[in-house]
């Protein structure tokens, strides 16, 4: 009968990270929120702005 292998890894802990402010509603966001990164290239460097998925969806529906 084969031996049962034990787990050799440990599940990592959940870490909360602040990812910035929403572009539309200006509230703070964490990595647990659903968000969309919006990037621009300025002088050869990426500048990211983040927005909640719901805020982007509302803004797109208003513009159409």
PDB file of N, CA and C in Angstrom:
ATOM      1  N   UNK A   1       0.837  -1.173   0.000  1.00  0.00           N
ATOM      2  CA  UNK A   1       0.000   0.000   0.000  1.00  0.00           C
ATOM      3  C   UNK A   1       0.892   1.249   0.000  1.00  0.00           C
ATOM      4  N   UNK A   2       0.617   2.260  -0.893  1.00  0.00           N
ATOM      5  CA  UNK A   2       1.478   3.443  -0.940  1.00  0.00           C
ATOM      6  C   UNK A   2       1.293   4.344   0.278  1.00  0.00           C
ATOM      7  N   UNK A   3       2.361   5.050   0.604  1.00  0.00           N
ATOM      8  CA  UNK A   3       2.312   5.972   1.738  1.00  0.00           C
ATOM      9  C   UNK A   3       1.550   7.239   1.350  1.00  0.00           C
ATOM     10  N   UNK A   4       0.852   7.828   2.300  1.00  0.00           N
ATOM     11  CA  UNK A   4       0.141   9.076   2.079  1.00  0.00           C
ATOM     12  C   UNK A   4       1.119  10.224   2.293  1.00  0.00           C
ATOM     13  N   UNK A   5       1.231  11.086   1.298  1.00  0.00           N
ATOM     14  CA  UNK A   5       2.152  12.218   1.400  1.00  0.00           C
ATOM     15  C   UNK A   5       1.505  13.332   2.210  1.00  0.00           C
ATOM     16  N   UNK A   6       2.321  13.965   3.039  1.00  0.00           N
ATOM     17  CA  UNK A   6       1.856  15.095   3.820  1.00  0.00           C
ATOM     18  C   UNK A   6       2.037  16.366   3.003  1.00  0.00           C
ATOM     19  N   UNK A   7       1.234  17.391   3.307  1.00  0.00           N
ATOM     20  CA  UNK A   7       1.378  18.674   2.626  1.00  0.00           C
ATOM     21  C   UNK A   7       2.719  19.295   3.004  1.00  0.00           C
ATOM     22  N   UNK A   8       3.403  19.798   2.006  1.00  0.00           N
ATOM     23  CA  UNK A   8       4.705  20.418   2.279  1.00  0.00           C
ATOM     24  C   UNK A   8       4.619  21.943   2.233  1.00  0.00           C
ATOM     25  N   UNK A   9       3.426  22.491   2.020  1.00  0.00           N
ATOM     26  CA  UNK A   9       3.279  23.936   1.963  1.00  0.00           C
ATOM     27  C   UNK A   9       2.241  24.390   2.967  1.00  0.00           C
ATOM     28  N   UNK A  10       2.312  25.668   3.325  1.00  0.00           N
ATOM     29  CA  UNK A  10       1.386  26.261   4.272  1.00  0.00           C
ATOM     30  C   UNK A  10       0.625  27.355   3.539  1.00  0.00           C
ATOM     31  N   UNK A  11      -0.681  27.373   3.674  1.00  0.00           N
ATOM     32  CA  UNK A  11      -1.498  28.379   3.001  1.00  0.00           C
ATOM     33  C   UNK A  11      -1.154  29.758   3.568  1.00  0.00           C
ATOM     34  N   UNK A  12      -0.953  30.725   2.669  1.00  0.00           N
ATOM     35  CA  UNK A  12      -0.557  32.055   3.115  1.00  0.00           C
ATOM     36  C   UNK A  12      -1.730  32.794   3.753  1.00  0.00           C
ATOM     37  N   UNK A  13      -1.400  33.777   4.581  1.00  0.00           N
ATOM     38  CA  UNK A  13      -2.410  34.566   5.260  1.00  0.00           C
ATOM     39  C   UNK A  13      -2.959  35.608   4.304  1.00  0.00           C
ATOM     40  N   UNK A  14      -4.196  36.055   4.561  1.00  0.00           N
ATOM     41  CA  UNK A  14      -4.767  37.124   3.752  1.00  0.00           C
ATOM     42  C   UNK A  14      -4.143  38.443   4.170  1.00  0.00           C
ATOM     43  N   UNK A  15      -3.702  39.202   3.186  1.00  0.00           N
ATOM     44  CA  UNK A  15      -3.087  40.494   3.447  1.00  0.00           C
ATOM     45  C   UNK A  15      -3.908  41.562   2.743  1.00  0.00           C
ATOM     46  N   UNK A  16      -4.335  42.575   3.491  1.00  0.00           N
ATOM     47  CA  UNK A  16      -5.081  43.688   2.917  1.00  0.00           C
ATOM     48  C   UNK A  16      -4.102  44.773   2.483  1.00  0.00           C
ATOM     49  N   UNK A  17      -4.274  45.245   1.244  1.00  0.00           N
ATOM     50  CA  UNK A  17      -3.402  46.275   0.706  1.00  0.00           C
ATOM     51  C   UNK A  17      -4.270  47.408   0.172  1.00  0.00           C
ATOM     52  N   UNK A  18      -3.902  48.630   0.511  1.00  0.00           N
ATOM     53  CA  UNK A  18      -4.601  49.791  -0.024  1.00  0.00           C
ATOM     54  C   UNK A  18      -4.075  50.048  -1.433  1.00  0.00           C
ATOM     55  N   UNK A  19      -4.982  50.063  -2.440  1.00  0.00           N
ATOM     56  CA  UNK A  19      -4.549  50.241  -3.824  1.00  0.00           C
ATOM     57  C   UNK A  19      -4.763  51.656  -4.339  1.00  0.00           C
ATOM     58  N   UNK A  20      -5.301  52.540  -3.521  1.00  0.00           N
ATOM     59  CA  UNK A  20      -5.458  53.931  -3.924  1.00  0.00           C
ATOM     60  C   UNK A  20      -6.901  54.392  -3.838  1.00  0.00           C
ATOM     61  N   UNK A  21      -7.159  55.550  -4.446  1.00  0.00           N
ATOM     62  CA  UNK A  21      -8.490  56.140  -4.435  1.00  0.00           C
ATOM     63  C   UNK A  21      -9.163  55.895  -5.774  1.00  0.00           C
ATOM     64  N   UNK A  22     -10.489  55.814  -5.750  1.00  0.00           N
ATOM     65  CA  UNK A  22     -11.278  55.638  -6.959  1.00  0.00           C
ATOM     66  C   UNK A  22     -11.249  56.934  -7.762  1.00  0.00           C
ATOM     67  N   UNK A  23     -11.133  56.817  -9.066  1.00  0.00           N
ATOM     68  CA  UNK A  23     -11.066  57.977  -9.946  1.00  0.00           C
ATOM     69  C   UNK A  23     -12.392  58.743  -9.957  1.00  0.00           C
ATOM     70  N   UNK A  24     -13.511  58.049  -9.798  1.00  0.00           N
ATOM     71  CA  UNK A  24     -14.824  58.663  -9.925  1.00  0.00           C
ATOM     72  C   UNK A  24     -15.440  59.061  -8.584  1.00  0.00           C
ATOM     73  N   UNK A  25     -15.434  58.167  -7.595  1.00  0.00           N
ATOM     74  CA  UNK A  25     -16.093  58.478  -6.314  1.00  0.00           C
ATOM     75  C   UNK A  25     -15.107  58.893  -5.225  1.00  0.00           C
ATOM     76  N   UNK A  26     -13.800  58.791  -5.490  1.00  0.00           N
ATOM     77  CA  UNK A  26     -12.731  59.249  -4.597  1.00  0.00           C
ATOM     78  C   UNK A  26     -12.727  58.550  -3.231  1.00  0.00           C
ATOM     79  N   UNK A  27     -13.194  57.304  -3.157  1.00  0.00           N
ATOM     80  CA  UNK A  27     -13.123  56.514  -1.927  1.00  0.00           C
ATOM     81  C   UNK A  27     -11.889  55.625  -1.984  1.00  0.00           C
ATOM     82  N   UNK A  28     -11.365  55.279  -0.811  1.00  0.00           N
ATOM     83  CA  UNK A  28     -10.214  54.384  -0.767  1.00  0.00           C
ATOM     84  C   UNK A  28     -10.628  52.971  -1.157  1.00  0.00           C
ATOM     85  N   UNK A  29      -9.724  52.258  -1.826  1.00  0.00           N
ATOM     86  CA  UNK A  29      -9.995  50.887  -2.259  1.00  0.00           C
ATOM     87  C   UNK A  29      -8.929  49.954  -1.699  1.00  0.00           C
ATOM     88  N   UNK A  30      -9.329  48.718  -1.441  1.00  0.00           N
ATOM     89  CA  UNK A  30      -8.392  47.684  -1.016  1.00  0.00           C
ATOM     90  C   UNK A  30      -8.331  46.614  -2.096  1.00  0.00           C
ATOM     91  N   UNK A  31      -7.441  45.662  -1.930  1.00  0.00           N
ATOM     92  CA  UNK A  31      -7.304  44.605  -2.920  1.00  0.00           C
ATOM     93  C   UNK A  31      -8.481  43.631  -2.904  1.00  0.00           C
ATOM     94  N   UNK A  32      -9.373  43.706  -1.927  1.00  0.00           N
ATOM     95  CA  UNK A  32     -10.544  42.839  -1.899  1.00  0.00           C
ATOM     96  C   UNK A  32     -11.691  43.397  -2.741  1.00  0.00           C
ATOM     97  N   UNK A  33     -11.663  44.708  -3.060  1.00  0.00           N
ATOM     98  CA  UNK A  33     -12.700  45.313  -3.893  1.00  0.00           C
ATOM     99  C   UNK A  33     -12.462  44.940  -5.354  1.00  0.00           C
ATOM    100  N   UNK A  34     -13.559  44.952  -6.131  1.00  0.00           N
ATOM    101  CA  UNK A  34     -13.391  44.748  -7.562  1.00  0.00           C
ATOM    102  C   UNK A  34     -13.091  46.108  -8.180  1.00  0.00           C
ATOM    103  N   UNK A  35     -11.937  46.219  -8.839  1.00  0.00           N
ATOM    104  CA  UNK A  35     -11.528  47.498  -9.396  1.00  0.00           C
ATOM    105  C   UNK A  35     -10.888  47.304 -10.757  1.00  0.00           C
ATOM    106  N   UNK A  36     -10.813  48.407 -11.500  1.00  0.00           N
ATOM    107  CA  UNK A  36     -10.238  48.413 -12.836  1.00  0.00           C
ATOM    108  C   UNK A  36      -9.032  49.355 -12.832  1.00  0.00           C
ATOM    109  N   UNK A  37      -7.833  48.862 -13.154  1.00  0.00           N
ATOM    110  CA  UNK A  37      -6.692  49.767 -13.255  1.00  0.00           C
ATOM    111  C   UNK A  37      -6.729  50.492 -14.593  1.00  0.00           C
ATOM    112  N   UNK A  38      -6.599  51.809 -14.565  1.00  0.00           N
ATOM    113  CA  UNK A  38      -6.603  52.627 -15.777  1.00  0.00           C
ATOM    114  C   UNK A  38      -5.208  53.224 -15.882  1.00  0.00           C
ATOM    115  N   UNK A  39      -4.481  52.872 -16.934  1.00  0.00           N
ATOM    116  CA  UNK A  39      -3.093  53.292 -17.040  1.00  0.00           C
ATOM    117  C   UNK A  39      -2.851  54.301 -18.142  1.00  0.00           C
ATOM    118  N   UNK A  40      -1.879  55.161 -17.932  1.00  0.00           N
ATOM    119  CA  UNK A  40      -1.428  56.135 -18.925  1.00  0.00           C
ATOM    120  C   UNK A  40       0.092  56.098 -18.941  1.00  0.00           C
ATOM    121  N   UNK A  41       0.670  56.382 -20.088  1.00  0.00           N
ATOM    122  CA  UNK A  41       2.116  56.490 -20.176  1.00  0.00           C
ATOM    123  C   UNK A  41       2.462  57.968 -20.256  1.00  0.00           C
ATOM    124  N   UNK A  42       3.183  58.469 -19.251  1.00  0.00           N
ATOM    125  CA  UNK A  42       3.601  59.866 -19.221  1.00  0.00           C
ATOM    126  C   UNK A  42       5.116  59.899 -19.082  1.00  0.00           C
ATOM    127  N   UNK A  43       5.774  60.475 -20.055  1.00  0.00           N
ATOM    128  CA  UNK A  43       7.234  60.575 -20.073  1.00  0.00           C
ATOM    129  C   UNK A  43       7.904  59.214 -19.911  1.00  0.00           C
ATOM    130  N   UNK A  44       7.356  58.189 -20.553  1.00  0.00           N
ATOM    131  CA  UNK A  44       7.948  56.859 -20.532  1.00  0.00           C
ATOM    132  C   UNK A  44       7.681  56.052 -19.275  1.00  0.00           C
ATOM    133  N   UNK A  45       6.880  56.583 -18.340  1.00  0.00           N
ATOM    134  CA  UNK A  45       6.555  55.856 -17.110  1.00  0.00           C
ATOM    135  C   UNK A  45       5.049  55.649 -17.043  1.00  0.00           C
ATOM    136  N   UNK A  46       4.649  54.526 -16.486  1.00  0.00           N
ATOM    137  CA  UNK A  46       3.227  54.235 -16.332  1.00  0.00           C
ATOM    138  C   UNK A  46       2.672  54.964 -15.115  1.00  0.00           C
ATOM    139  N   UNK A  47       1.561  55.623 -15.283  1.00  0.00           N
ATOM    140  CA  UNK A  47       0.834  56.259 -14.190  1.00  0.00           C
ATOM    141  C   UNK A  47      -0.532  55.586 -14.122  1.00  0.00           C
ATOM    142  N   UNK A  48      -0.792  54.882 -13.038  1.00  0.00           N
ATOM    143  CA  UNK A  48      -2.044  54.155 -12.902  1.00  0.00           C
ATOM    144  C   UNK A  48      -3.028  54.905 -12.033  1.00  0.00           C
ATOM    145  N   UNK A  49      -4.281  54.880 -12.450  1.00  0.00           N
ATOM    146  CA  UNK A  49      -5.382  55.315 -11.622  1.00  0.00           C
ATOM    147  C   UNK A  49      -6.300  54.119 -11.506  1.00  0.00           C
ATOM    148  N   UNK A  50      -6.948  53.989 -10.387  1.00  0.00           N
ATOM    149  CA  UNK A  50      -7.849  52.871 -10.170  1.00  0.00           C
ATOM    150  C   UNK A  50      -9.270  53.384 -10.041  1.00  0.00           C
ATOM    151  N   UNK A  51     -10.228  52.536 -10.387  1.00  0.00           N
ATOM    152  CA  UNK A  51     -11.634  52.890 -10.254  1.00  0.00           C
ATOM    153  C   UNK A  51     -12.415  51.628  -9.919  1.00  0.00           C
ATOM    154  N   UNK A  52     -13.467  51.791  -9.108  1.00  0.00           N
ATOM    155  CA  UNK A  52     -14.348  50.664  -8.829  1.00  0.00           C
ATOM    156  C   UNK A  52     -14.993  50.199 -10.129  1.00  0.00           C
ATOM    157  N   UNK A  53     -15.239  48.921 -10.227  1.00  0.00           N
ATOM    158  CA  UNK A  53     -15.872  48.367 -11.419  1.00  0.00           C
ATOM    159  C   UNK A  53     -17.263  48.973 -11.621  1.00  0.00           C
ATOM    160  N   UNK A  54     -18.020  49.126 -10.533  1.00  0.00           N
ATOM    161  CA  UNK A  54     -19.366  49.691 -10.624  1.00  0.00           C
ATOM    162  C   UNK A  54     -19.330  51.156 -11.065  1.00  0.00           C
ATOM    163  N   UNK A  55     -18.355  51.923 -10.602  1.00  0.00           N
ATOM    164  CA  UNK A  55     -18.236  53.332 -10.989  1.00  0.00           C
ATOM    165  C   UNK A  55     -17.942  53.462 -12.475  1.00  0.00           C
ATOM    166  N   UNK A  56     -17.060  52.607 -13.007  1.00  0.00           N
ATOM    167  CA  UNK A  56     -16.736  52.635 -14.422  1.00  0.00           C
ATOM    168  C   UNK A  56     -17.966  52.257 -15.241  1.00  0.00           C
ATOM    169  N   UNK A  57     -18.693  51.255 -14.785  1.00  0.00           N
ATOM    170  CA  UNK A  57     -19.889  50.787 -15.477  1.00  0.00           C
ATOM    171  C   UNK A  57     -20.945  51.903 -15.543  1.00  0.00           C
ATOM    172  N   UNK A  58     -21.152  52.620 -14.427  1.00  0.00           N
ATOM    173  CA  UNK A  58     -22.109  53.732 -14.403  1.00  0.00           C
ATOM    174  C   UNK A  58     -21.674  54.856 -15.327  1.00  0.00           C
ATOM    175  N   UNK A  59     -20.389  55.184 -15.315  1.00  0.00           N
ATOM    176  CA  UNK A  59     -19.880  56.261 -16.159  1.00  0.00           C
ATOM    177  C   UNK A  59     -20.029  55.916 -17.636  1.00  0.00           C
ATOM    178  N   UNK A  60     -19.794  54.670 -18.010  1.00  0.00           N
ATOM    179  CA  UNK A  60     -19.951  54.257 -19.408  1.00  0.00           C
ATOM    180  C   UNK A  60     -21.420  54.325 -19.844  1.00  0.00           C
ATOM    181  N   UNK A  61     -22.330  53.960 -18.947  1.00  0.00           N
ATOM    182  CA  UNK A  61     -23.746  53.990 -19.318  1.00  0.00           C
ATOM    183  C   UNK A  61     -24.243  55.428 -19.470  1.00  0.00           C
ATOM    184  N   UNK A  62     -23.671  56.378 -18.712  1.00  0.00           N
ATOM    185  CA  UNK A  62     -24.059  57.787 -18.833  1.00  0.00           C
ATOM    186  C   UNK A  62     -23.571  58.386 -20.141  1.00  0.00           C
ATOM    187  N   UNK A  63     -22.389  57.976 -20.595  1.00  0.00           N
ATOM    188  CA  UNK A  63     -21.803  58.567 -21.795  1.00  0.00           C
ATOM    189  C   UNK A  63     -22.443  58.048 -23.084  1.00  0.00           C
ATOM    190  N   UNK A  64     -23.135  56.921 -23.028  1.00  0.00           N
ATOM    191  CA  UNK A  64     -23.754  56.356 -24.244  1.00  0.00           C
ATOM    192  C   UNK A  64     -25.105  56.908 -24.480  1.00  0.00           C
TER     193      UNK A  64
END
